Amino acid sequence: MSHEAVPEQSVSEQQDAPKGLLQQMEELMASLTADLSRLDADLQSSADRPPAGGVAH
Protein backbone atom coordinates (compact mmCIF):
# COMPACT_ATOMS: atom_id res chain seq x y z
CA MET A 1 0.00 0.00 0.00
CA SER A 2 2.78 2.43 0.78
CA HIS A 3 4.11 1.70 -2.71
CA GLU A 4 0.90 3.22 -4.13
CA ALA A 5 1.14 6.33 -1.95
CA VAL A 6 4.58 7.31 -3.24
CA PRO A 7 3.52 7.97 -6.86
CA GLU A 8 0.59 10.07 -5.64
CA GLN A 9 2.94 12.30 -3.65
CA SER A 10 5.38 12.65 -6.53
CA VAL A 11 2.55 13.51 -8.93
CA SER A 12 1.27 16.26 -6.61
CA GLU A 13 4.83 17.56 -6.22
CA GLN A 14 5.32 17.53 -9.99
CA GLN A 15 2.24 19.73 -10.44
CA ASP A 16 3.63 22.43 -8.14
CA ALA A 17 7.36 21.99 -8.63
CA PRO A 18 8.26 22.37 -12.33
CA LYS A 19 7.91 26.15 -12.55
CA GLY A 20 9.84 26.67 -9.34
CA LEU A 21 12.50 24.14 -10.25
CA LEU A 22 12.83 25.48 -13.77
CA GLN A 23 13.21 29.02 -12.46
CA GLN A 24 15.80 27.86 -9.92
CA MET A 25 17.75 25.98 -12.58
CA GLU A 26 17.69 29.00 -14.91
CA GLU A 27 18.97 31.25 -12.12
CA LEU A 28 21.69 28.75 -11.18
CA MET A 29 22.74 28.37 -14.82
CA ALA A 30 22.89 32.14 -15.26
CA SER A 31 25.00 32.45 -12.12
CA LEU A 32 27.26 29.61 -13.22
CA THR A 33 27.68 31.14 -16.67
CA ALA A 34 28.63 34.48 -15.12
CA ASP A 35 31.12 32.78 -12.78
CA LEU A 36 32.66 30.81 -15.63
CA SER A 37 32.92 33.94 -17.77
CA ARG A 38 34.69 35.73 -14.92
CA LEU A 39 37.01 32.77 -14.38
CA ASP A 40 37.76 32.59 -18.10
CA ALA A 41 38.60 36.29 -18.18
CA ASP A 42 40.86 35.89 -15.14
CA LEU A 43 42.63 32.91 -16.69
CA GLN A 44 43.04 34.69 -20.01
CA SER A 45 44.58 37.75 -18.34
CA SER A 46 46.84 35.67 -16.09
CA ALA A 47 47.95 33.57 -19.07
CA ASP A 48 49.03 36.76 -20.85
CA ARG A 49 51.27 37.92 -17.98
CA PRO A 50 53.76 35.04 -17.50
CA PRO A 51 54.40 33.53 -20.94
CA ALA A 52 55.83 30.26 -19.54
CA GLY A 53 54.37 30.35 -16.02
CA GLY A 54 53.35 26.70 -15.65
CA VAL A 55 56.15 25.20 -17.75
CA ALA A 56 59.15 26.21 -15.60
CA HIS A 57 60.44 23.35 -13.41
PDB file of N, CA and C in Angstrom:
ATOM      1  N   MET A   1       0.811  -1.206   0.000  1.00  0.00           N
ATOM      2  CA  MET A   1       0.000   0.000   0.000  1.00  0.00           C
ATOM      3  C   MET A   1       0.852   1.265   0.000  1.00  0.00           C
ATOM      4  N   SER A   2       1.920   1.248   0.761  1.00  0.00           N
ATOM      5  CA  SER A   2       2.777   2.429   0.782  1.00  0.00           C
ATOM      6  C   SER A   2       3.407   2.665  -0.587  1.00  0.00           C
ATOM      7  N   HIS A   3       3.539   1.584  -1.372  1.00  0.00           N
ATOM      8  CA  HIS A   3       4.106   1.705  -2.713  1.00  0.00           C
ATOM      9  C   HIS A   3       3.185   2.519  -3.607  1.00  0.00           C
ATOM     10  N   GLU A   4       1.863   2.447  -3.344  1.00  0.00           N
ATOM     11  CA  GLU A   4       0.904   3.219  -4.131  1.00  0.00           C
ATOM     12  C   GLU A   4       0.877   4.683  -3.704  1.00  0.00           C
ATOM     13  N   ALA A   5       1.192   4.963  -2.458  1.00  0.00           N
ATOM     14  CA  ALA A   5       1.135   6.334  -1.955  1.00  0.00           C
ATOM     15  C   ALA A   5       2.280   7.180  -2.498  1.00  0.00           C
ATOM     16  N   VAL A   6       3.409   6.563  -2.769  1.00  0.00           N
ATOM     17  CA  VAL A   6       4.578   7.314  -3.237  1.00  0.00           C
ATOM     18  C   VAL A   6       4.322   7.995  -4.576  1.00  0.00           C
ATOM     19  N   PRO A   7       3.778   7.283  -5.591  1.00  0.00           N
ATOM     20  CA  PRO A   7       3.515   7.971  -6.858  1.00  0.00           C
ATOM     21  C   PRO A   7       2.528   9.123  -6.721  1.00  0.00           C
ATOM     22  N   GLU A   8       1.541   8.989  -5.828  1.00  0.00           N
ATOM     23  CA  GLU A   8       0.586  10.075  -5.638  1.00  0.00           C
ATOM     24  C   GLU A   8       1.286  11.327  -5.125  1.00  0.00           C
ATOM     25  N   GLN A   9       2.209  11.153  -4.186  1.00  0.00           N
ATOM     26  CA  GLN A   9       2.942  12.298  -3.654  1.00  0.00           C
ATOM     27  C   GLN A   9       3.809  12.930  -4.734  1.00  0.00           C
ATOM     28  N   SER A  10       4.491  12.107  -5.517  1.00  0.00           N
ATOM     29  CA  SER A  10       5.376  12.652  -6.533  1.00  0.00           C
ATOM     30  C   SER A  10       4.577  13.355  -7.625  1.00  0.00           C
ATOM     31  N   VAL A  11       3.384  12.852  -7.934  1.00  0.00           N
ATOM     32  CA  VAL A  11       2.548  13.513  -8.932  1.00  0.00           C
ATOM     33  C   VAL A  11       2.110  14.879  -8.423  1.00  0.00           C
ATOM     34  N   SER A  12       1.696  14.968  -7.150  1.00  0.00           N
ATOM     35  CA  SER A  12       1.273  16.256  -6.609  1.00  0.00           C
ATOM     36  C   SER A  12       2.449  17.225  -6.535  1.00  0.00           C
ATOM     37  N   GLU A  13       3.646  16.701  -6.244  1.00  0.00           N
ATOM     38  CA  GLU A  13       4.833  17.556  -6.225  1.00  0.00           C
ATOM     39  C   GLU A  13       5.176  18.031  -7.624  1.00  0.00           C
ATOM     40  N   GLN A  14       4.995  17.173  -8.612  1.00  0.00           N
ATOM     41  CA  GLN A  14       5.319  17.532  -9.987  1.00  0.00           C
ATOM     42  C   GLN A  14       4.391  18.624 -10.497  1.00  0.00           C
ATOM     43  N   GLN A  15       3.172  18.691 -10.001  1.00  0.00           N
ATOM     44  CA  GLN A  15       2.244  19.726 -10.440  1.00  0.00           C
ATOM     45  C   GLN A  15       2.674  21.098  -9.925  1.00  0.00           C
ATOM     46  N   ASP A  16       3.228  21.155  -8.731  1.00  0.00           N
ATOM     47  CA  ASP A  16       3.630  22.425  -8.142  1.00  0.00           C
ATOM     48  C   ASP A  16       5.079  22.776  -8.460  1.00  0.00           C
ATOM     49  N   ALA A  17       5.918  21.773  -8.589  1.00  0.00           N
ATOM     50  CA  ALA A  17       7.358  21.990  -8.628  1.00  0.00           C
ATOM     51  C   ALA A  17       7.935  22.503  -9.947  1.00  0.00           C
ATOM     52  N   PRO A  18       7.491  22.058 -11.126  1.00  0.00           N
ATOM     53  CA  PRO A  18       8.258  22.367 -12.334  1.00  0.00           C
ATOM     54  C   PRO A  18       8.565  23.838 -12.544  1.00  0.00           C
ATOM     55  N   LYS A  19       7.621  24.736 -12.342  1.00  0.00           N
ATOM     56  CA  LYS A  19       7.909  26.153 -12.551  1.00  0.00           C
ATOM     57  C   LYS A  19       8.973  26.638 -11.579  1.00  0.00           C
ATOM     58  N   GLY A  20       8.857  26.263 -10.329  1.00  0.00           N
ATOM     59  CA  GLY A  20       9.841  26.670  -9.335  1.00  0.00           C
ATOM     60  C   GLY A  20      11.202  26.073  -9.613  1.00  0.00           C
ATOM     61  N   LEU A  21      11.227  24.799  -9.960  1.00  0.00           N
ATOM     62  CA  LEU A  21      12.499  24.137 -10.250  1.00  0.00           C
ATOM     63  C   LEU A  21      13.124  24.698 -11.513  1.00  0.00           C
ATOM     64  N   LEU A  22      12.309  24.928 -12.526  1.00  0.00           N
ATOM     65  CA  LEU A  22      12.828  25.478 -13.775  1.00  0.00           C
ATOM     66  C   LEU A  22      13.412  26.863 -13.540  1.00  0.00           C
ATOM     67  N   GLN A  23      12.712  27.677 -12.768  1.00  0.00           N
ATOM     68  CA  GLN A  23      13.214  29.016 -12.464  1.00  0.00           C
ATOM     69  C   GLN A  23      14.515  28.937 -11.675  1.00  0.00           C
ATOM     70  N   GLN A  24      14.573  28.033 -10.693  1.00  0.00           N
ATOM     71  CA  GLN A  24      15.802  27.856  -9.917  1.00  0.00           C
ATOM     72  C   GLN A  24      16.952  27.419 -10.804  1.00  0.00           C
ATOM     73  N   MET A  25      16.694  26.476 -11.689  1.00  0.00           N
ATOM     74  CA  MET A  25      17.747  25.985 -12.582  1.00  0.00           C
ATOM     75  C   MET A  25      18.223  27.089 -13.518  1.00  0.00           C
ATOM     76  N   GLU A  26      17.297  27.903 -14.028  1.00  0.00           N
ATOM     77  CA  GLU A  26      17.689  29.002 -14.910  1.00  0.00           C
ATOM     78  C   GLU A  26      18.556  30.010 -14.163  1.00  0.00           C
ATOM     79  N   GLU A  27      18.180  30.312 -12.918  1.00  0.00           N
ATOM     80  CA  GLU A  27      18.969  31.248 -12.120  1.00  0.00           C
ATOM     81  C   GLU A  27      20.351  30.675 -11.811  1.00  0.00           C
ATOM     82  N   LEU A  28      20.397  29.390 -11.462  1.00  0.00           N
ATOM     83  CA  LEU A  28      21.686  28.752 -11.183  1.00  0.00           C
ATOM     84  C   LEU A  28      22.561  28.710 -12.425  1.00  0.00           C
ATOM     85  N   MET A  29      21.968  28.410 -13.576  1.00  0.00           N
ATOM     86  CA  MET A  29      22.742  28.366 -14.816  1.00  0.00           C
ATOM     87  C   MET A  29      23.257  29.758 -15.181  1.00  0.00           C
ATOM     88  N   ALA A  30      22.446  30.783 -14.981  1.00  0.00           N
ATOM     89  CA  ALA A  30      22.891  32.143 -15.263  1.00  0.00           C
ATOM     90  C   ALA A  30      24.042  32.527 -14.345  1.00  0.00           C
ATOM     91  N   SER A  31      23.937  32.167 -13.077  1.00  0.00           N
ATOM     92  CA  SER A  31      25.001  32.455 -12.118  1.00  0.00           C
ATOM     93  C   SER A  31      26.269  31.691 -12.472  1.00  0.00           C
ATOM     94  N   LEU A  32      26.112  30.428 -12.840  1.00  0.00           N
ATOM     95  CA  LEU A  32      27.260  29.607 -13.222  1.00  0.00           C
ATOM     96  C   LEU A  32      27.930  30.162 -14.468  1.00  0.00           C
ATOM     97  N   THR A  33      27.135  30.574 -15.441  1.00  0.00           N
ATOM     98  CA  THR A  33      27.683  31.138 -16.669  1.00  0.00           C
ATOM     99  C   THR A  33      28.467  32.409 -16.369  1.00  0.00           C
ATOM    100  N   ALA A  34      27.928  33.254 -15.492  1.00  0.00           N
ATOM    101  CA  ALA A  34      28.633  34.479 -15.120  1.00  0.00           C
ATOM    102  C   ALA A  34      29.939  34.155 -14.406  1.00  0.00           C
ATOM    103  N   ASP A  35      29.901  33.183 -13.494  1.00  0.00           N
ATOM    104  CA  ASP A  35      31.117  32.784 -12.778  1.00  0.00           C
ATOM    105  C   ASP A  35      32.161  32.223 -13.731  1.00  0.00           C
ATOM    106  N   LEU A  36      31.721  31.394 -14.668  1.00  0.00           N
ATOM    107  CA  LEU A  36      32.659  30.810 -15.628  1.00  0.00           C
ATOM    108  C   LEU A  36      33.238  31.878 -16.550  1.00  0.00           C
ATOM    109  N   SER A  37      32.424  32.846 -16.935  1.00  0.00           N
ATOM    110  CA  SER A  37      32.923  33.937 -17.774  1.00  0.00           C
ATOM    111  C   SER A  37      33.981  34.736 -17.030  1.00  0.00           C
ATOM    112  N   ARG A  38      33.725  35.006 -15.745  1.00  0.00           N
ATOM    113  CA  ARG A  38      34.688  35.728 -14.923  1.00  0.00           C
ATOM    114  C   ARG A  38      35.983  34.928 -14.776  1.00  0.00           C
ATOM    115  N   LEU A  39      35.843  33.636 -14.515  1.00  0.00           N
ATOM    116  CA  LEU A  39      37.007  32.769 -14.378  1.00  0.00           C
ATOM    117  C   LEU A  39      37.797  32.714 -15.681  1.00  0.00           C
ATOM    118  N   ASP A  40      37.097  32.622 -16.797  1.00  0.00           N
ATOM    119  CA  ASP A  40      37.757  32.589 -18.097  1.00  0.00           C
ATOM    120  C   ASP A  40      38.527  33.878 -18.334  1.00  0.00           C
ATOM    121  N   ALA A  41      37.917  35.008 -18.015  1.00  0.00           N
ATOM    122  CA  ALA A  41      38.599  36.291 -18.184  1.00  0.00           C
ATOM    123  C   ALA A  41      39.831  36.368 -17.289  1.00  0.00           C
ATOM    124  N   ASP A  42      39.711  35.892 -16.052  1.00  0.00           N
ATOM    125  CA  ASP A  42      40.858  35.888 -15.135  1.00  0.00           C
ATOM    126  C   ASP A  42      41.977  34.998 -15.661  1.00  0.00           C
ATOM    127  N   LEU A  43      41.615  33.827 -16.158  1.00  0.00           N
ATOM    128  CA  LEU A  43      42.625  32.908 -16.685  1.00  0.00           C
ATOM    129  C   LEU A  43      43.279  33.465 -17.944  1.00  0.00           C
ATOM    130  N   GLN A  44      42.489  34.097 -18.791  1.00  0.00           N
ATOM    131  CA  GLN A  44      43.037  34.692 -20.010  1.00  0.00           C
ATOM    132  C   GLN A  44      44.035  35.788 -19.658  1.00  0.00           C
ATOM    133  N   SER A  45      43.687  36.647 -18.701  1.00  0.00           N
ATOM    134  CA  SER A  45      44.584  37.747 -18.340  1.00  0.00           C
ATOM    135  C   SER A  45      45.821  37.235 -17.615  1.00  0.00           C
ATOM    136  N   SER A  46      45.673  36.205 -16.790  1.00  0.00           N
ATOM    137  CA  SER A  46      46.840  35.666 -16.088  1.00  0.00           C
ATOM    138  C   SER A  46      47.734  34.880 -17.048  1.00  0.00           C
ATOM    139  N   ALA A  47      47.158  34.299 -18.082  1.00  0.00           N
ATOM    140  CA  ALA A  47      47.952  33.570 -19.075  1.00  0.00           C
ATOM    141  C   ALA A  47      48.776  34.540 -19.912  1.00  0.00           C
ATOM    142  N   ASP A  48      48.303  35.757 -20.073  1.00  0.00           N
ATOM    143  CA  ASP A  48      49.033  36.760 -20.853  1.00  0.00           C
ATOM    144  C   ASP A  48      50.239  37.296 -20.095  1.00  0.00           C
ATOM    145  N   ARG A  49      50.169  37.341 -18.774  1.00  0.00           N
ATOM    146  CA  ARG A  49      51.267  37.917 -17.983  1.00  0.00           C
ATOM    147  C   ARG A  49      52.532  37.056 -18.021  1.00  0.00           C
ATOM    148  N   PRO A  50      52.530  35.869 -17.427  1.00  0.00           N
ATOM    149  CA  PRO A  50      53.756  35.044 -17.504  1.00  0.00           C
ATOM    150  C   PRO A  50      53.693  34.108 -18.707  1.00  0.00           C
ATOM    151  N   PRO A  51      54.499  34.327 -19.726  1.00  0.00           N
ATOM    152  CA  PRO A  51      54.402  33.530 -20.941  1.00  0.00           C
ATOM    153  C   PRO A  51      54.646  32.040 -20.714  1.00  0.00           C
ATOM    154  N   ALA A  52      55.560  31.677 -19.799  1.00  0.00           N
ATOM    155  CA  ALA A  52      55.828  30.261 -19.538  1.00  0.00           C
ATOM    156  C   ALA A  52      55.651  29.970 -18.052  1.00  0.00           C
ATOM    157  N   GLY A  53      54.574  30.467 -17.462  1.00  0.00           N
ATOM    158  CA  GLY A  53      54.370  30.351 -16.019  1.00  0.00           C
ATOM    159  C   GLY A  53      54.295  28.931 -15.514  1.00  0.00           C
ATOM    160  N   GLY A  54      53.514  28.053 -16.153  1.00  0.00           N
ATOM    161  CA  GLY A  54      53.346  26.701 -15.654  1.00  0.00           C
ATOM    162  C   GLY A  54      54.363  25.716 -16.196  1.00  0.00           C
ATOM    163  N   VAL A  55      55.221  26.130 -17.115  1.00  0.00           N
ATOM    164  CA  VAL A  55      56.153  25.203 -17.749  1.00  0.00           C
ATOM    165  C   VAL A  55      57.471  25.115 -16.989  1.00  0.00           C
ATOM    166  N   ALA A  56      57.853  26.178 -16.295  1.00  0.00           N
ATOM    167  CA  ALA A  56      59.151  26.208 -15.599  1.00  0.00           C
ATOM    168  C   ALA A  56      59.199  25.148 -14.508  1.00  0.00           C
ATOM    169  N   HIS A  57      60.293  24.399 -14.439  1.00  0.00           N
ATOM    170  CA  HIS A  57      60.443  23.354 -13.409  1.00  0.00           C
ATOM    171  C   HIS A  57      61.496  23.768 -12.438  1.00  0.00           C
TER     172      HIS A  57
END
